[in-house]
Structure formats: C-alpha cells, structure tokens
Amino acid sequence: MANKRKSSRPRFSHHPGISDQHALEIVRETLGTPKPVIAKPADPDTEPDWGGQCEVCGASPIVPATGMCGPCTFGEAETAGGNW
C-alpha cells in the first residue's frame, strides 16, 4: 500500500475531481465577486449622548432620539453604558 502524504493545508473542495482553484472559480461565478464593506456614518439620533441624563431614571448616556438611557429605551439591561 502506497504511503500518501497528507497536506497540512485543508482542501477547499471535498470533491476529488475538482481542484481548489476550480472550486473557487465556481463559487465566484455563482456568487459573484464580493463587494467591499463601506462603513456607514454615525447617526446623531442614535449615538450615545454622554452629556445628557435619562428622563426616566437619570442614567447616562442617553439615546438622543428618545431622551432616555439604553435600558429605558430598548428594555434590555445589556444596553447600559451606550452598548446599543
């Protein structure tokens, strides 16, 4: 029995008759070339306002659009401290 050496690099394709390069070409033809991700500018109505206090509980920061802190606006404790 011949001793086959395994490559440390994983194969992209699990089909024995298709090379990695061919598999990548098929994926690109099927899905197209990925488009670059462009960051959206910050929304001043939803960015944390560290200078204001929540109208309900007095916490900071607030969501400028509502005048309330994250937990009072979204009802989620995880949004405290501007985590939204």
Protein backbone atom coordinates (compact mmCIF):
# COMPACT_ATOMS: atom_id res chain seq x y z
CA MET A 1 0.00 0.00 0.00
CA ALA A 2 1.42 3.37 -1.00
CA ASN A 3 2.10 5.86 1.75
CA LYS A 4 0.19 9.04 0.87
CA ARG A 5 1.40 12.23 2.46
CA LYS A 6 -1.43 14.43 3.69
CA SER A 7 -1.21 18.12 3.01
CA SER A 8 -1.34 20.38 6.06
CA ARG A 9 -3.44 22.83 4.03
CA PRO A 10 -7.15 21.93 4.04
CA ARG A 11 -8.78 21.41 0.68
CA PHE A 12 -11.42 23.92 -0.35
CA SER A 13 -13.30 21.31 -2.34
CA HIS A 14 -14.28 17.93 -0.96
CA HIS A 15 -14.82 16.58 -4.46
CA PRO A 16 -11.77 14.56 -5.53
CA GLY A 17 -12.01 15.56 -9.20
CA ILE A 18 -12.13 19.31 -8.59
CA SER A 19 -9.06 21.35 -7.73
CA ASP A 20 -9.20 24.11 -5.15
CA GLN A 21 -8.72 26.74 -7.86
CA HIS A 22 -11.55 25.31 -9.95
CA ALA A 23 -13.82 25.24 -6.89
CA LEU A 24 -13.03 28.90 -6.17
CA GLU A 25 -13.85 29.82 -9.77
CA ILE A 26 -17.21 28.02 -9.49
CA VAL A 27 -18.00 29.89 -6.27
CA ARG A 28 -17.07 33.26 -7.83
CA GLU A 29 -19.20 32.53 -10.91
CA THR A 30 -22.13 31.50 -8.73
CA LEU A 31 -21.95 34.18 -6.03
CA GLY A 32 -20.08 36.92 -7.83
CA THR A 33 -17.16 38.92 -6.55
CA PRO A 34 -17.67 40.21 -3.01
CA LYS A 35 -18.30 43.93 -2.73
CA PRO A 36 -16.26 45.99 -0.26
CA VAL A 37 -17.93 46.87 3.02
CA ILE A 38 -18.35 50.60 3.48
CA ALA A 39 -18.81 51.91 7.00
CA LYS A 40 -21.96 53.95 7.49
CA PRO A 41 -21.60 57.38 9.06
CA ALA A 42 -22.70 57.66 12.67
CA ASP A 43 -26.36 58.59 13.20
CA PRO A 44 -26.54 61.53 15.62
CA ASP A 45 -30.02 60.41 16.76
CA THR A 46 -28.75 57.05 17.97
CA GLU A 47 -25.13 57.69 19.01
CA PRO A 48 -24.70 57.74 22.82
CA ASP A 49 -25.01 61.26 24.28
CA TRP A 50 -22.76 61.24 27.34
CA GLY A 51 -23.76 64.77 28.35
CA GLY A 52 -27.45 64.06 28.86
CA GLN A 53 -29.38 62.26 31.58
CA CYS A 54 -32.24 59.81 31.13
CA GLU A 55 -35.68 61.43 31.60
CA VAL A 56 -36.86 58.29 33.42
CA CYS A 57 -34.00 57.17 35.68
CA GLY A 58 -31.29 59.85 35.39
CA ALA A 59 -28.65 57.48 33.95
CA SER A 60 -26.13 58.41 31.27
CA PRO A 61 -25.55 58.09 28.29
CA ILE A 62 -28.86 58.63 26.56
CA VAL A 63 -30.27 57.91 23.13
CA PRO A 64 -30.77 61.45 21.77
CA ALA A 65 -33.87 60.47 19.77
CA THR A 66 -35.73 59.37 22.93
CA GLY A 67 -34.05 61.30 25.75
CA MET A 68 -33.75 58.03 27.68
CA CYS A 69 -30.85 55.68 28.51
CA GLY A 70 -30.37 52.39 26.63
CA PRO A 71 -32.20 50.16 29.13
CA CYS A 72 -35.19 52.54 29.33
CA THR A 73 -35.31 52.90 25.53
CA PHE A 74 -34.77 49.29 24.48
CA GLY A 75 -35.85 47.39 27.61
CA GLU A 76 -32.55 45.46 27.67
CA ALA A 77 -30.10 45.72 30.58
CA GLU A 78 -27.22 44.87 28.19
CA THR A 79 -27.63 48.29 26.52
CA ALA A 80 -26.40 50.14 29.64
CA GLY A 81 -23.32 52.28 29.09
CA GLY A 82 -24.02 53.04 25.43
CA ASN A 83 -23.93 49.41 24.29
CA TRP A 84 -26.54 49.68 21.52
